[in-house]
Amino acid sequence: DRRGPPGGRGVRREPRPLTARQEAVLAVI
């Protein structure tokens, strides 16, 4: 149940956008 689709290839996902807190931390840096 924990494995992806058969053949070992999962669905390629777009990277998640940064959260507001991550954006704020980057701005401080």
PDB file of all heavy atoms in Angstrom:
ATOM      1  N   ASP A   1       0.817  -1.207   0.000  1.00  0.00           N
ATOM      2  CA  ASP A   1       0.000   0.000   0.000  1.00  0.00           C
ATOM      3  C   ASP A   1       0.849   1.256   0.000  1.00  0.00           C
ATOM      4  O   ASP A   1       0.401   2.312  -0.395  1.00  0.00           O
ATOM      5  CB  ASP A   1      -0.918   0.028   1.228  1.00  0.00           C
ATOM      6  CG  ASP A   1      -1.941  -1.094   1.181  1.00  0.00           C
ATOM      7  OD1 ASP A   1      -2.180  -1.622   0.075  1.00  0.00           O
ATOM      8  OD2 ASP A   1      -2.466  -1.443   2.246  1.00  0.00           O
ATOM      9  N   ARG A   2       2.095   1.173   0.482  1.00  0.00           N
ATOM     10  CA  ARG A   2       2.944   2.345   0.589  1.00  0.00           C
ATOM     11  C   ARG A   2       3.708   2.630  -0.693  1.00  0.00           C
ATOM     12  O   ARG A   2       4.244   3.694  -0.873  1.00  0.00           O
ATOM     13  CB  ARG A   2       3.942   2.161   1.726  1.00  0.00           C
ATOM     14  CG  ARG A   2       3.282   2.227   3.081  1.00  0.00           C
ATOM     15  CD  ARG A   2       4.317   2.231   4.155  1.00  0.00           C
ATOM     16  NE  ARG A   2       5.069   0.995   4.186  1.00  0.00           N
ATOM     17  CZ  ARG A   2       5.006   0.099   5.155  1.00  0.00           C
ATOM     18  NH1 ARG A   2       4.227   0.303   6.181  1.00  0.00           N
ATOM     19  NH2 ARG A   2       5.717  -0.991   5.123  1.00  0.00           N
ATOM     20  N   ARG A   3       3.803   1.670  -1.555  1.00  0.00           N
ATOM     21  CA  ARG A   3       4.547   1.862  -2.799  1.00  0.00           C
ATOM     22  C   ARG A   3       3.724   2.640  -3.802  1.00  0.00           C
ATOM     23  O   ARG A   3       2.514   2.706  -3.719  1.00  0.00           O
ATOM     24  CB  ARG A   3       4.909   0.512  -3.406  1.00  0.00           C
ATOM     25  CG  ARG A   3       6.048  -0.147  -2.664  1.00  0.00           C
ATOM     26  CD  ARG A   3       6.504  -1.354  -3.418  1.00  0.00           C
ATOM     27  NE  ARG A   3       6.232  -2.495  -2.548  1.00  0.00           N
ATOM     28  CZ  ARG A   3       5.826  -3.672  -2.947  1.00  0.00           C
ATOM     29  NH1 ARG A   3       5.629  -3.906  -4.198  1.00  0.00           N
ATOM     30  NH2 ARG A   3       5.603  -4.622  -2.107  1.00  0.00           N
ATOM     31  N   GLY A   4       4.447   3.198  -4.771  1.00  0.00           N
ATOM     32  CA  GLY A   4       3.797   3.934  -5.849  1.00  0.00           C
ATOM     33  C   GLY A   4       3.235   2.983  -6.878  1.00  0.00           C
ATOM     34  O   GLY A   4       3.052   1.791  -6.631  1.00  0.00           O
ATOM     35  N   PRO A   5       2.983   3.480  -8.071  1.00  0.00           N
ATOM     36  CA  PRO A   5       2.445   2.639  -9.134  1.00  0.00           C
ATOM     37  C   PRO A   5       3.420   1.526  -9.500  1.00  0.00           C
ATOM     38  O   PRO A   5       4.615   1.626  -9.262  1.00  0.00           O
ATOM     39  CB  PRO A   5       2.281   3.609 -10.308  1.00  0.00           C
ATOM     40  CG  PRO A   5       2.453   4.966  -9.770  1.00  0.00           C
ATOM     41  CD  PRO A   5       3.138   4.854  -8.461  1.00  0.00           C
ATOM     42  N   PRO A   6       2.923   0.444 -10.099  1.00  0.00           N
ATOM     43  CA  PRO A   6       3.800  -0.656 -10.494  1.00  0.00           C
ATOM     44  C   PRO A   6       4.882  -0.173 -11.453  1.00  0.00           C
ATOM     45  O   PRO A   6       4.680   0.749 -12.226  1.00  0.00           O
ATOM     46  CB  PRO A   6       2.865  -1.647 -11.197  1.00  0.00           C
ATOM     47  CG  PRO A   6       1.486  -1.217 -10.873  1.00  0.00           C
ATOM     48  CD  PRO A   6       1.537   0.194 -10.430  1.00  0.00           C
ATOM     49  N   GLY A   7       6.046  -0.784 -11.368  1.00  0.00           N
ATOM     50  CA  GLY A   7       7.144  -0.402 -12.247  1.00  0.00           C
ATOM     51  C   GLY A   7       8.095   0.573 -11.578  1.00  0.00           C
ATOM     52  O   GLY A   7       9.119   0.929 -12.136  1.00  0.00           O
ATOM     53  N   GLY A   8       7.778   1.024 -10.370  1.00  0.00           N
ATOM     54  CA  GLY A   8       8.688   1.877  -9.639  1.00  0.00           C
ATOM     55  C   GLY A   8       8.687   3.341 -10.046  1.00  0.00           C
ATOM     56  O   GLY A   8       9.470   4.122  -9.561  1.00  0.00           O
ATOM     57  N   ARG A   9       7.843   3.728 -10.957  1.00  0.00           N
ATOM     58  CA  ARG A   9       7.818   5.127 -11.391  1.00  0.00           C
ATOM     59  C   ARG A   9       6.610   5.814 -10.786  1.00  0.00           C
ATOM     60  O   ARG A   9       5.471   5.437 -11.021  1.00  0.00           O
ATOM     61  CB  ARG A   9       7.746   5.213 -12.908  1.00  0.00           C
ATOM     62  CG  ARG A   9       9.012   4.709 -13.544  1.00  0.00           C
ATOM     63  CD  ARG A   9       9.081   5.190 -14.975  1.00  0.00           C
ATOM     64  NE  ARG A   9      10.380   4.838 -15.511  1.00  0.00           N
ATOM     65  CZ  ARG A   9      10.564   3.975 -16.476  1.00  0.00           C
ATOM     66  NH1 ARG A   9       9.529   3.389 -17.036  1.00  0.00           N
ATOM     67  NH2 ARG A   9      11.759   3.715 -16.914  1.00  0.00           N
ATOM     68  N   GLY A  10       6.866   6.833 -10.008  1.00  0.00           N
ATOM     69  CA  GLY A  10       5.784   7.583  -9.382  1.00  0.00           C
ATOM     70  C   GLY A  10       5.337   8.726 -10.276  1.00  0.00           C
ATOM     71  O   GLY A  10       5.881   8.963 -11.346  1.00  0.00           O
ATOM     72  N   VAL A  11       4.358   9.416  -9.832  1.00  0.00           N
ATOM     73  CA  VAL A  11       3.848  10.570 -10.551  1.00  0.00           C
ATOM     74  C   VAL A  11       4.770  11.741 -10.256  1.00  0.00           C
ATOM     75  O   VAL A  11       5.044  12.050  -9.105  1.00  0.00           O
ATOM     76  CB  VAL A  11       2.405  10.896 -10.099  1.00  0.00           C
ATOM     77  CG1 VAL A  11       1.901  12.151 -10.765  1.00  0.00           C
ATOM     78  CG2 VAL A  11       1.497   9.723 -10.377  1.00  0.00           C
ATOM     79  N   ARG A  12       5.267  12.405 -11.291  1.00  0.00           N
ATOM     80  CA  ARG A  12       6.146  13.555 -11.092  1.00  0.00           C
ATOM     81  C   ARG A  12       5.273  14.753 -10.744  1.00  0.00           C
ATOM     82  O   ARG A  12       4.356  15.102 -11.457  1.00  0.00           O
ATOM     83  CB  ARG A  12       6.952  13.842 -12.352  1.00  0.00           C
ATOM     84  CG  ARG A  12       7.961  14.951 -12.144  1.00  0.00           C
ATOM     85  CD  ARG A  12       8.878  15.086 -13.309  1.00  0.00           C
ATOM     86  NE  ARG A  12       9.658  13.899 -13.548  1.00  0.00           N
ATOM     87  CZ  ARG A  12      10.871  13.688 -13.020  1.00  0.00           C
ATOM     88  NH1 ARG A  12      11.387  14.565 -12.222  1.00  0.00           N
ATOM     89  NH2 ARG A  12      11.530  12.606 -13.303  1.00  0.00           N
ATOM     90  N   ARG A  13       5.609  15.369  -9.603  1.00  0.00           N
ATOM     91  CA  ARG A  13       4.829  16.504  -9.147  1.00  0.00           C
ATOM     92  C   ARG A  13       5.639  17.776  -9.268  1.00  0.00           C
ATOM     93  O   ARG A  13       6.860  17.753  -9.171  1.00  0.00           O
ATOM     94  CB  ARG A  13       4.433  16.320  -7.694  1.00  0.00           C
ATOM     95  CG  ARG A  13       3.526  15.156  -7.475  1.00  0.00           C
ATOM     96  CD  ARG A  13       3.141  15.056  -6.038  1.00  0.00           C
ATOM     97  NE  ARG A  13       2.278  13.900  -5.847  1.00  0.00           N
ATOM     98  CZ  ARG A  13       2.104  13.299  -4.702  1.00  0.00           C
ATOM     99  NH1 ARG A  13       2.713  13.731  -3.644  1.00  0.00           N
ATOM    100  NH2 ARG A  13       1.314  12.260  -4.609  1.00  0.00           N
ATOM    101  N   GLU A  14       4.938  18.859  -9.455  1.00  0.00           N
ATOM    102  CA  GLU A  14       5.587  20.162  -9.465  1.00  0.00           C
ATOM    103  C   GLU A  14       6.003  20.487  -8.037  1.00  0.00           C
ATOM    104  O   GLU A  14       5.304  20.130  -7.094  1.00  0.00           O
ATOM    105  CB  GLU A  14       4.616  21.232  -9.973  1.00  0.00           C
ATOM    106  CG  GLU A  14       4.259  21.082 -11.425  1.00  0.00           C
ATOM    107  CD  GLU A  14       5.446  21.270 -12.353  1.00  0.00           C
ATOM    108  OE1 GLU A  14       6.268  22.166 -12.086  1.00  0.00           O
ATOM    109  OE2 GLU A  14       5.546  20.515 -13.319  1.00  0.00           O
ATOM    110  N   PRO A  15       7.141  21.165  -7.860  1.00  0.00           N
ATOM    111  CA  PRO A  15       7.532  21.524  -6.502  1.00  0.00           C
ATOM    112  C   PRO A  15       6.521  22.479  -5.883  1.00  0.00           C
ATOM    113  O   PRO A  15       5.952  23.329  -6.568  1.00  0.00           O
ATOM    114  CB  PRO A  15       8.890  22.205  -6.678  1.00  0.00           C
ATOM    115  CG  PRO A  15       9.002  22.527  -8.114  1.00  0.00           C
ATOM    116  CD  PRO A  15       8.084  21.617  -8.856  1.00  0.00           C
ATOM    117  N   ARG A  16       6.306  22.298  -4.598  1.00  0.00           N
ATOM    118  CA  ARG A  16       5.350  23.156  -3.905  1.00  0.00           C
ATOM    119  C   ARG A  16       5.887  24.576  -3.817  1.00  0.00           C
ATOM    120  O   ARG A  16       7.084  24.779  -3.658  1.00  0.00           O
ATOM    121  CB  ARG A  16       5.116  22.648  -2.491  1.00  0.00           C
ATOM    122  CG  ARG A  16       4.350  21.380  -2.435  1.00  0.00           C
ATOM    123  CD  ARG A  16       4.091  21.019  -1.013  1.00  0.00           C
ATOM    124  NE  ARG A  16       3.275  19.816  -0.928  1.00  0.00           N
ATOM    125  CZ  ARG A  16       2.969  19.227   0.196  1.00  0.00           C
ATOM    126  NH1 ARG A  16       3.415  19.704   1.334  1.00  0.00           N
ATOM    127  NH2 ARG A  16       2.236  18.151   0.192  1.00  0.00           N
ATOM    128  N   PRO A  17       5.007  25.556  -3.878  1.00  0.00           N
ATOM    129  CA  PRO A  17       5.467  26.939  -3.700  1.00  0.00           C
ATOM    130  C   PRO A  17       5.884  27.159  -2.252  1.00  0.00           C
ATOM    131  O   PRO A  17       5.483  26.421  -1.350  1.00  0.00           O
ATOM    132  CB  PRO A  17       4.229  27.770  -4.057  1.00  0.00           C
ATOM    133  CG  PRO A  17       3.079  26.854  -3.877  1.00  0.00           C
ATOM    134  CD  PRO A  17       3.581  25.472  -4.155  1.00  0.00           C
ATOM    135  N   LEU A  18       6.695  28.185  -2.036  1.00  0.00           N
ATOM    136  CA  LEU A  18       7.139  28.498  -0.684  1.00  0.00           C
ATOM    137  C   LEU A  18       5.964  28.975   0.155  1.00  0.00           C
ATOM    138  O   LEU A  18       5.071  29.653  -0.341  1.00  0.00           O
ATOM    139  CB  LEU A  18       8.199  29.596  -0.716  1.00  0.00           C
ATOM    140  CG  LEU A  18       9.538  29.233  -1.340  1.00  0.00           C
ATOM    141  CD1 LEU A  18      10.452  30.449  -1.348  1.00  0.00           C
ATOM    142  CD2 LEU A  18      10.195  28.099  -0.602  1.00  0.00           C
ATOM    143  N   THR A  19       5.997  28.645   1.430  1.00  0.00           N
ATOM    144  CA  THR A  19       4.971  29.144   2.336  1.00  0.00           C
ATOM    145  C   THR A  19       5.270  30.606   2.658  1.00  0.00           C
ATOM    146  O   THR A  19       6.373  31.102   2.407  1.00  0.00           O
ATOM    147  CB  THR A  19       4.955  28.331   3.637  1.00  0.00           C
ATOM    148  OG1 THR A  19       6.209  28.514   4.313  1.00  0.00           O
ATOM    149  CG2 THR A  19       4.716  26.852   3.368  1.00  0.00           C
ATOM    150  N   ALA A  20       4.300  31.281   3.236  1.00  0.00           N
ATOM    151  CA  ALA A  20       4.493  32.691   3.610  1.00  0.00           C
ATOM    152  C   ALA A  20       5.616  32.821   4.629  1.00  0.00           C
ATOM    153  O   ALA A  20       6.418  33.764   4.583  1.00  0.00           O
ATOM    154  CB  ALA A  20       3.194  33.258   4.170  1.00  0.00           C
ATOM    155  N   ARG A  21       5.723  31.882   5.544  1.00  0.00           N
ATOM    156  CA  ARG A  21       6.768  31.925   6.558  1.00  0.00           C
ATOM    157  C   ARG A  21       8.145  31.720   5.914  1.00  0.00           C
ATOM    158  O   ARG A  21       9.115  32.385   6.277  1.00  0.00           O
ATOM    159  CB  ARG A  21       6.506  30.865   7.614  1.00  0.00           C
ATOM    160  CG  ARG A  21       7.506  30.934   8.734  1.00  0.00           C
ATOM    161  CD  ARG A  21       6.984  30.345   9.996  1.00  0.00           C
ATOM    162  NE  ARG A  21       5.981  31.224  10.562  1.00  0.00           N
ATOM    163  CZ  ARG A  21       4.995  30.814  11.356  1.00  0.00           C
ATOM    164  NH1 ARG A  21       4.880  29.555  11.653  1.00  0.00           N
ATOM    165  NH2 ARG A  21       4.122  31.658  11.840  1.00  0.00           N
ATOM    166  N   GLN A  22       8.244  30.799   4.954  1.00  0.00           N
ATOM    167  CA  GLN A  22       9.516  30.592   4.270  1.00  0.00           C
ATOM    168  C   GLN A  22       9.926  31.825   3.483  1.00  0.00           C
ATOM    169  O   GLN A  22      11.095  32.197   3.460  1.00  0.00           O
ATOM    170  CB  GLN A  22       9.433  29.367   3.359  1.00  0.00           C
ATOM    171  CG  GLN A  22       9.370  28.064   4.105  1.00  0.00           C
ATOM    172  CD  GLN A  22       9.060  26.883   3.224  1.00  0.00           C
ATOM    173  OE1 GLN A  22       8.532  27.025   2.118  1.00  0.00           O
ATOM    174  NE2 GLN A  22       9.370  25.690   3.699  1.00  0.00           N
ATOM    175  N   GLU A  23       8.950  32.474   2.851  1.00  0.00           N
ATOM    176  CA  GLU A  23       9.233  33.728   2.138  1.00  0.00           C
ATOM    177  C   GLU A  23       9.742  34.789   3.103  1.00  0.00           C
ATOM    178  O   GLU A  23      10.681  35.528   2.801  1.00  0.00           O
ATOM    179  CB  GLU A  23       7.965  34.239   1.437  1.00  0.00           C
ATOM    180  CG  GLU A  23       7.526  33.413   0.257  1.00  0.00           C
ATOM    181  CD  GLU A  23       8.328  33.672  -1.004  1.00  0.00           C
ATOM    182  OE1 GLU A  23       9.156  34.597  -1.007  1.00  0.00           O
ATOM    183  OE2 GLU A  23       8.110  32.943  -1.975  1.00  0.00           O
ATOM    184  N   ALA A  24       9.124  34.869   4.294  1.00  0.00           N
ATOM    185  CA  ALA A  24       9.540  35.859   5.285  1.00  0.00           C
ATOM    186  C   ALA A  24      10.955  35.574   5.782  1.00  0.00           C
ATOM    187  O   ALA A  24      11.762  36.498   5.945  1.00  0.00           O
ATOM    188  CB  ALA A  24       8.556  35.864   6.453  1.00  0.00           C
ATOM    189  N   VAL A  25      11.274  34.309   6.002  1.00  0.00           N
ATOM    190  CA  VAL A  25      12.625  33.942   6.452  1.00  0.00           C
ATOM    191  C   VAL A  25      13.648  34.303   5.382  1.00  0.00           C
ATOM    192  O   VAL A  25      14.708  34.863   5.683  1.00  0.00           O
ATOM    193  CB  VAL A  25      12.695  32.442   6.819  1.00  0.00           C
ATOM    194  CG1 VAL A  25      14.125  31.990   7.030  1.00  0.00           C
ATOM    195  CG2 VAL A  25      11.858  32.156   8.055  1.00  0.00           C
ATOM    196  N   LEU A  26      13.332  34.018   4.124  1.00  0.00           N
ATOM    197  CA  LEU A  26      14.232  34.384   3.032  1.00  0.00           C
ATOM    198  C   LEU A  26      14.428  35.895   2.951  1.00  0.00           C
ATOM    199  O   LEU A  26      15.541  36.372   2.703  1.00  0.00           O
ATOM    200  CB  LEU A  26      13.691  33.868   1.696  1.00  0.00           C
ATOM    201  CG  LEU A  26      14.049  32.444   1.322  1.00  0.00           C
ATOM    202  CD1 LEU A  26      13.386  32.065  -0.003  1.00  0.00           C
ATOM    203  CD2 LEU A  26      15.530  32.244   1.233  1.00  0.00           C
ATOM    204  N   ALA A  27      13.362  36.655   3.179  1.00  0.00           N
ATOM    205  CA  ALA A  27      13.463  38.113   3.139  1.00  0.00           C
ATOM    206  C   ALA A  27      14.364  38.625   4.257  1.00  0.00           C
ATOM    207  O   ALA A  27      15.173  39.548   4.049  1.00  0.00           O
ATOM    208  CB  ALA A  27      12.079  38.738   3.245  1.00  0.00           C
ATOM    209  N   VAL A  28      14.275  38.028   5.442  1.00  0.00           N
ATOM    210  CA  VAL A  28      15.131  38.426   6.563  1.00  0.00           C
ATOM    211  C   VAL A  28      16.586  38.124   6.234  1.00  0.00           C
ATOM    212  O   VAL A  28      17.481  38.943   6.476  1.00  0.00           O
ATOM    213  CB  VAL A  28      14.694  37.717   7.864  1.00  0.00           C
ATOM    214  CG1 VAL A  28      15.715  37.912   8.969  1.00  0.00           C
ATOM    215  CG2 VAL A  28      13.331  38.203   8.300  1.00  0.00           C
ATOM    216  N   ILE A  29      16.849  36.964   5.676  1.00  0.00           N
ATOM    217  CA  ILE A  29      18.223  36.590   5.313  1.00  0.00           C
ATOM    218  C   ILE A  29      18.750  37.537   4.240  1.00  0.00           C
ATOM    219  O   ILE A  29      19.882  38.032   4.326  1.00  0.00           O
ATOM    220  CB  ILE A  29      18.279  35.121   4.835  1.00  0.00           C
ATOM    221  CG1 ILE A  29      17.950  34.176   5.984  1.00  0.00           C
ATOM    222  CG2 ILE A  29      19.645  34.790   4.251  1.00  0.00           C
ATOM    223  CD1 ILE A  29      17.730  32.745   5.565  1.00  0.00           C
TER     224      ILE A  29
END
